[in-house]
Amino acid sequence: MRNLKWTPWVIVRETLFYAMLVFVAAVMALPFYWMVVTSLKPDADIFSDPIRWWPQRVTFEHYVQAFTVVPFARYFWNSTVMALLGVVANLILGSLAGYAFARMRFRGREGLFRMKLASLLIPGVVTLIPTFIILRSFPLIGGNDVLGHGGHGLLNTYWAIVLPGAAGAFAVFFMRQFFRTLPDDLMDAARVDGASEWRTFWNIYLPLCGPALATLGIFTFQAGWNVFLWALIVFNDPKMSTVQMGLQSFSFNHQTDYGPLMAASVVVSLPVLIVFLFAQRYFTQSISFTGVKG
């Protein structure tokens, strides 16, 4: 706790500071609050004048409509599977690549890492068409022949979402930064004991990376859960739609069904919120660790 001398100026300053924090927090939370309240209002109260900040009658009919008007449960399952597969892929490949760039000595290491890091500067829209062609031309998959012709390749599959981001540049950079914060003495001790490179990584360094893995898992899950544009490009089968694609189903012919749309938006927001609440302790630890050493 800070030791402040409570002069009139300090009291005014602290009061203004915390008032500003409360105001900013209220402004940031207002859209989420309005979304939840609107999902609980009857249709007649959504656009009532004057505005009703709390529903006079709470109803859950919009939540029922959200799961019956469109196959939202199917969309929810698709997004869950793709987000979790993306998390697993990034944790495994990102930690392996991060360890190699941080702890192993080999020719061209810095050059390769800089090339990987430079890929963060390339806008995602630039790689949309090349990535689409690669996925569509995967040989011997999805009806393709050995030259990648004749079928749809990996399009309309979960892998069309998971594979392009399986070893993202951010995951590699983030894990490399965390591995660099760990002491070199651990590796020296492992070398003296005759441990192999894999055992040094798996048994010594990886167990210390819990905060970094949890943080990377949060970022990756959020990115996989919110995927929209890329899903629109690689999916033309309605059964493969994601929750973000499902939300647009409530807007049709220049009309929007706001009640079910808000209810579905609340449901879509919950998984990311729950993941963050469970992992926020590791999140703050990881940020403090990776900020220590560049």
Protein backbone atom coordinates (compact mmCIF):
# COMPACT_ATOMS: atom_id res chain seq x y z
CA MET A 1 0.00 0.00 0.00
CA ARG A 2 1.33 3.44 -0.88
CA ASN A 3 2.35 5.72 1.98
CA LEU A 4 0.68 8.99 1.01
CA LYS A 5 0.51 12.19 2.95
CA TRP A 6 -3.17 13.00 2.68
CA THR A 7 -3.02 16.69 1.94
CA PRO A 8 -6.06 18.33 0.27
CA TRP A 9 -4.25 18.27 -3.08
CA VAL A 10 -3.49 14.54 -2.78
CA ILE A 11 -7.13 13.80 -1.87
CA VAL A 12 -8.39 15.72 -4.92
CA ARG A 13 -5.83 14.07 -7.20
CA GLU A 14 -6.61 10.54 -5.99
CA THR A 15 -10.36 11.19 -6.20
CA LEU A 16 -10.08 12.41 -9.79
CA PHE A 17 -7.83 9.50 -10.72
CA TYR A 18 -10.19 6.82 -9.41
CA ALA A 19 -13.23 8.66 -10.80
CA MET A 20 -11.59 8.58 -14.22
CA LEU A 21 -10.86 4.85 -13.85
CA VAL A 22 -14.48 4.15 -12.92
CA PHE A 23 -15.72 6.24 -15.86
CA VAL A 24 -13.45 4.48 -18.38
CA ALA A 25 -14.41 1.05 -16.97
CA ALA A 26 -18.10 1.94 -17.24
CA VAL A 27 -17.69 3.10 -20.85
CA MET A 28 -15.80 -0.10 -21.75
CA ALA A 29 -18.37 -2.35 -20.05
CA LEU A 30 -21.44 -0.55 -21.44
CA PRO A 31 -21.58 -2.39 -24.83
CA PHE A 32 -21.38 -5.78 -23.08
CA TYR A 33 -24.02 -4.77 -20.56
CA TRP A 34 -26.32 -3.52 -23.33
CA MET A 35 -25.85 -6.77 -25.25
CA VAL A 36 -26.83 -8.88 -22.22
CA VAL A 37 -29.82 -6.68 -21.33
CA THR A 38 -31.09 -6.63 -24.91
CA SER A 39 -30.92 -10.42 -25.09
CA LEU A 40 -33.25 -10.60 -22.06
CA LYS A 41 -35.83 -8.07 -23.30
CA PRO A 42 -39.02 -8.91 -25.21
CA ASP A 43 -39.03 -7.67 -28.81
CA ALA A 44 -41.35 -4.78 -27.94
CA ASP A 45 -38.90 -3.37 -25.36
CA ILE A 46 -35.69 -3.49 -27.42
CA PHE A 47 -36.30 -0.14 -29.16
CA SER A 48 -38.59 1.41 -26.56
CA ASP A 49 -38.53 5.19 -26.08
CA PRO A 50 -37.30 6.27 -23.58
CA ILE A 51 -34.52 3.73 -23.33
CA ARG A 52 -35.04 1.07 -20.65
CA TRP A 53 -31.72 0.19 -19.06
CA TRP A 54 -33.25 -2.83 -17.33
CA PRO A 55 -35.93 -5.09 -18.85
CA GLN A 56 -39.38 -4.80 -17.29
CA ARG A 57 -39.95 -8.46 -18.11
CA VAL A 58 -37.03 -10.89 -18.39
CA THR A 59 -37.40 -13.51 -21.11
CA PHE A 60 -35.12 -16.23 -22.46
CA GLU A 61 -37.05 -16.71 -25.69
CA HIS A 62 -34.25 -15.12 -27.70
CA TYR A 63 -31.78 -17.74 -26.46
CA VAL A 64 -34.18 -20.49 -27.55
CA GLN A 65 -34.57 -18.83 -30.97
CA ALA A 66 -30.79 -18.49 -31.33
CA PHE A 67 -30.41 -22.28 -31.17
CA THR A 68 -33.57 -23.19 -33.15
CA VAL A 69 -33.74 -20.65 -36.00
CA VAL A 70 -30.21 -21.60 -37.13
CA PRO A 71 -28.11 -24.69 -36.20
CA PHE A 72 -26.10 -22.66 -33.73
CA ALA A 73 -25.13 -25.72 -31.66
CA ARG A 74 -23.39 -27.13 -34.76
CA TYR A 75 -21.58 -23.80 -35.31
CA PHE A 76 -20.56 -23.79 -31.65
CA TRP A 77 -19.09 -27.28 -31.99
CA ASN A 78 -17.19 -26.33 -35.15
CA SER A 79 -15.63 -23.25 -33.54
CA THR A 80 -14.74 -25.19 -30.38
CA VAL A 81 -12.96 -27.97 -32.28
CA MET A 82 -11.04 -25.56 -34.53
CA ALA A 83 -10.04 -23.26 -31.66
CA LEU A 84 -8.82 -26.17 -29.49
CA LEU A 85 -6.88 -27.77 -32.36
CA GLY A 86 -5.27 -24.39 -33.03
CA VAL A 87 -4.29 -24.07 -29.37
CA VAL A 88 -2.72 -27.54 -29.28
CA ALA A 89 -0.81 -26.97 -32.53
CA ASN A 90 0.55 -23.58 -31.45
CA LEU A 91 1.55 -24.77 -27.99
CA ILE A 92 3.46 -27.76 -29.37
CA LEU A 93 5.06 -26.19 -32.44
CA GLY A 94 5.53 -22.76 -30.90
CA SER A 95 7.32 -24.15 -27.84
CA LEU A 96 9.56 -26.40 -29.95
CA ALA A 97 10.53 -23.58 -32.33
CA GLY A 98 10.90 -21.09 -29.49
CA TYR A 99 13.23 -23.44 -27.62
CA ALA A 100 15.33 -23.99 -30.74
CA PHE A 101 15.71 -20.26 -31.42
CA ALA A 102 16.43 -19.44 -27.77
CA ARG A 103 18.59 -22.32 -26.58
CA MET A 104 20.13 -24.20 -29.49
CA ARG A 105 23.17 -23.05 -31.45
CA PHE A 106 23.10 -23.63 -35.19
CA ARG A 107 24.16 -21.77 -38.32
CA GLY A 108 21.64 -19.26 -39.59
CA ARG A 109 19.65 -19.20 -36.37
CA GLU A 110 19.38 -15.42 -36.14
CA GLY A 111 18.64 -15.06 -39.84
CA LEU A 112 15.85 -17.63 -39.73
CA PHE A 113 14.37 -16.03 -36.66
CA ARG A 114 14.43 -12.58 -38.24
CA MET A 115 12.70 -13.95 -41.34
CA LYS A 116 10.04 -15.53 -39.13
CA LEU A 117 9.66 -12.30 -37.19
CA ALA A 118 9.44 -10.26 -40.40
CA SER A 119 6.42 -12.33 -41.45
CA LEU A 120 4.48 -10.49 -38.74
CA LEU A 121 4.79 -7.36 -40.89
CA ILE A 122 2.98 -8.95 -43.85
CA PRO A 123 -0.74 -8.09 -43.85
CA GLY A 124 -2.94 -11.15 -43.61
CA VAL A 125 -4.95 -10.25 -46.71
CA VAL A 126 -1.79 -10.55 -48.86
CA THR A 127 -1.50 -14.27 -48.13
CA LEU A 128 -5.19 -15.16 -48.49
CA ILE A 129 -5.10 -16.25 -52.14
CA PRO A 130 -1.75 -18.17 -52.01
CA THR A 131 -2.85 -19.99 -48.87
CA PHE A 132 -6.22 -20.83 -50.44
CA ILE A 133 -4.51 -22.30 -53.53
CA ILE A 134 -2.13 -24.37 -51.38
CA LEU A 135 -4.97 -25.81 -49.31
CA ARG A 136 -7.07 -26.56 -52.39
CA SER A 137 -4.13 -28.23 -54.16
CA PHE A 138 -3.08 -30.59 -51.38
CA PRO A 139 -2.24 -33.87 -53.20
CA LEU A 140 -4.21 -37.06 -52.54
CA ILE A 141 -6.66 -35.32 -50.19
CA GLY A 142 -10.23 -34.23 -50.84
CA GLY A 143 -10.45 -35.96 -54.23
CA ASN A 144 -7.18 -34.50 -55.54
CA ASP A 145 -4.76 -36.56 -57.60
CA VAL A 146 -1.03 -36.73 -56.91
CA LEU A 147 -0.58 -33.34 -58.61
CA GLY A 148 -3.29 -31.70 -56.50
CA HIS A 149 -5.90 -31.52 -59.24
CA GLY A 150 -9.50 -32.67 -59.46
CA GLY A 151 -10.80 -32.10 -55.93
CA HIS A 152 -11.17 -29.53 -53.19
CA GLY A 153 -8.14 -30.53 -51.09
CA LEU A 154 -8.40 -29.38 -47.49
CA LEU A 155 -11.19 -26.89 -48.16
CA ASN A 156 -14.35 -27.47 -46.11
CA THR A 157 -12.35 -29.25 -43.41
CA TYR A 158 -11.20 -28.18 -39.96
CA TRP A 159 -7.60 -28.29 -41.18
CA ALA A 160 -8.24 -25.38 -43.53
CA ILE A 161 -8.47 -23.20 -40.42
CA VAL A 162 -5.93 -24.96 -38.19
CA LEU A 163 -2.96 -25.59 -40.51
CA PRO A 164 -2.28 -22.02 -41.80
CA GLY A 165 -1.83 -20.78 -38.23
CA ALA A 166 -0.43 -23.95 -36.63
CA ALA A 167 3.02 -22.41 -36.06
CA GLY A 168 2.31 -18.70 -36.02
CA ALA A 169 5.15 -16.19 -35.92
CA PHE A 170 3.75 -14.68 -32.73
CA ALA A 171 3.74 -18.08 -30.99
CA VAL A 172 7.39 -18.69 -31.93
CA PHE A 173 8.46 -15.18 -30.90
CA PHE A 174 6.53 -15.30 -27.62
CA MET A 175 7.91 -18.69 -26.56
CA ARG A 176 11.47 -17.71 -27.60
CA GLN A 177 11.28 -14.65 -25.39
CA PHE A 178 10.13 -16.74 -22.44
CA PHE A 179 12.81 -19.40 -22.91
CA ARG A 180 15.45 -16.65 -22.94
CA THR A 181 14.35 -15.55 -19.46
CA LEU A 182 15.15 -18.98 -18.00
CA PRO A 183 18.65 -19.45 -16.51
CA ASP A 184 21.45 -20.97 -18.60
CA ASP A 185 22.61 -22.97 -15.58
CA LEU A 186 19.75 -25.42 -16.12
CA MET A 187 21.07 -26.37 -19.53
CA ASP A 188 24.66 -26.58 -18.27
CA ALA A 189 23.55 -28.92 -15.49
CA ALA A 190 21.61 -31.05 -17.97
CA ARG A 191 24.67 -31.27 -20.23
CA VAL A 192 26.83 -32.41 -17.30
CA ASP A 193 24.28 -35.10 -16.47
CA GLY A 194 24.31 -36.28 -20.09
CA ALA A 195 20.71 -35.32 -20.89
CA SER A 196 19.75 -35.27 -24.54
CA GLU A 197 18.37 -32.13 -26.21
CA TRP A 198 14.83 -33.50 -26.16
CA ARG A 199 15.04 -34.44 -22.49
CA THR A 200 16.44 -31.01 -21.61
CA PHE A 201 13.51 -29.40 -23.38
CA TRP A 202 10.77 -31.74 -22.19
CA ASN A 203 11.81 -32.44 -18.58
CA ILE A 204 13.61 -29.24 -17.59
CA TYR A 205 12.56 -26.18 -19.57
CA LEU A 206 8.99 -26.94 -20.68
CA PRO A 207 7.62 -27.53 -17.12
CA LEU A 208 8.79 -23.98 -16.26
CA CYS A 209 6.77 -22.49 -19.13
CA GLY A 210 3.30 -22.82 -17.58
CA PRO A 211 2.56 -19.06 -17.53
CA ALA A 212 3.78 -18.59 -21.11
CA LEU A 213 1.83 -21.60 -22.39
CA ALA A 214 -1.33 -20.40 -20.63
CA THR A 215 -0.97 -16.92 -22.14
CA LEU A 216 -0.28 -18.29 -25.60
CA GLY A 217 -3.28 -20.58 -25.19
CA ILE A 218 -5.52 -17.58 -24.43
CA PHE A 219 -4.34 -15.62 -27.46
CA THR A 220 -4.57 -18.62 -29.77
CA PHE A 221 -8.00 -19.66 -28.54
CA GLN A 222 -9.31 -16.12 -28.99
CA ALA A 223 -7.90 -15.91 -32.51
CA GLY A 224 -9.32 -19.30 -33.49
CA TRP A 225 -12.68 -18.57 -31.91
CA ASN A 226 -13.09 -15.22 -33.67
CA VAL A 227 -12.04 -16.35 -37.14
CA PHE A 228 -14.49 -14.99 -39.71
CA LEU A 229 -13.02 -13.77 -43.02
CA TRP A 230 -10.81 -16.81 -43.57
CA ALA A 231 -13.70 -19.13 -42.66
CA LEU A 232 -15.88 -17.40 -45.27
CA ILE A 233 -13.22 -18.10 -47.90
CA VAL A 234 -12.46 -21.78 -47.19
CA PHE A 235 -15.95 -22.94 -46.18
CA ASN A 236 -18.88 -23.12 -48.58
CA ASP A 237 -20.56 -26.02 -46.81
CA PRO A 238 -23.14 -24.63 -44.33
CA LYS A 239 -22.38 -27.49 -41.92
CA MET A 240 -18.82 -26.15 -41.49
CA SER A 241 -19.87 -22.63 -40.49
CA THR A 242 -18.40 -21.08 -37.34
CA VAL A 243 -20.20 -19.11 -34.65
CA GLN A 244 -18.98 -15.84 -36.17
CA MET A 245 -20.49 -16.85 -39.51
CA GLY A 246 -23.63 -17.95 -37.68
CA LEU A 247 -24.14 -14.47 -36.21
CA GLN A 248 -24.69 -13.02 -39.67
CA SER A 249 -27.58 -15.46 -40.13
CA PHE A 250 -29.71 -13.17 -37.98
CA SER A 251 -29.33 -10.35 -40.52
CA PHE A 252 -31.14 -11.06 -43.77
CA ASN A 253 -32.53 -8.90 -46.55
CA HIS A 254 -31.48 -5.63 -44.81
CA GLN A 255 -33.31 -6.66 -41.62
CA THR A 256 -31.79 -7.75 -38.33
CA ASP A 257 -33.39 -9.87 -35.63
CA TYR A 258 -31.69 -8.11 -32.72
CA GLY A 259 -33.04 -10.26 -29.88
CA PRO A 260 -31.62 -13.63 -31.04
CA LEU A 261 -28.54 -11.84 -32.39
CA MET A 262 -27.75 -10.39 -28.94
CA ALA A 263 -28.49 -13.74 -27.27
CA ALA A 264 -26.17 -15.55 -29.67
CA SER A 265 -23.51 -12.87 -29.13
CA VAL A 266 -23.66 -13.44 -25.38
CA VAL A 267 -23.20 -17.19 -25.88
CA VAL A 268 -20.30 -16.58 -28.28
CA SER A 269 -18.58 -14.27 -25.77
CA LEU A 270 -18.69 -16.72 -22.87
CA PRO A 271 -15.97 -19.25 -23.88
CA VAL A 272 -13.28 -16.56 -24.33
CA LEU A 273 -14.34 -14.89 -21.10
CA ILE A 274 -14.23 -18.18 -19.17
CA VAL A 275 -10.81 -19.11 -20.59
CA PHE A 276 -9.41 -15.71 -19.62
CA LEU A 277 -10.85 -15.84 -16.09
CA PHE A 278 -9.27 -19.23 -15.43
CA ALA A 279 -5.87 -18.29 -16.91
CA GLN A 280 -5.53 -14.60 -16.04
CA ARG A 281 -3.12 -15.34 -13.16
CA TYR A 282 -0.71 -17.05 -15.56
CA PHE A 283 -1.32 -14.28 -18.08
CA THR A 284 0.05 -11.55 -15.80
CA GLN A 285 2.97 -13.74 -14.71
CA SER A 286 3.93 -14.42 -18.31
CA ILE A 287 3.82 -10.77 -19.34
CA SER A 288 6.11 -9.83 -16.44
CA PHE A 289 8.54 -12.66 -17.29
CA THR A 290 8.80 -11.91 -21.02
CA GLY A 291 9.31 -8.22 -20.33
CA VAL A 292 12.42 -8.86 -18.25
CA LYS A 293 14.76 -9.94 -21.05
CA GLY A 294 14.56 -9.09 -24.75
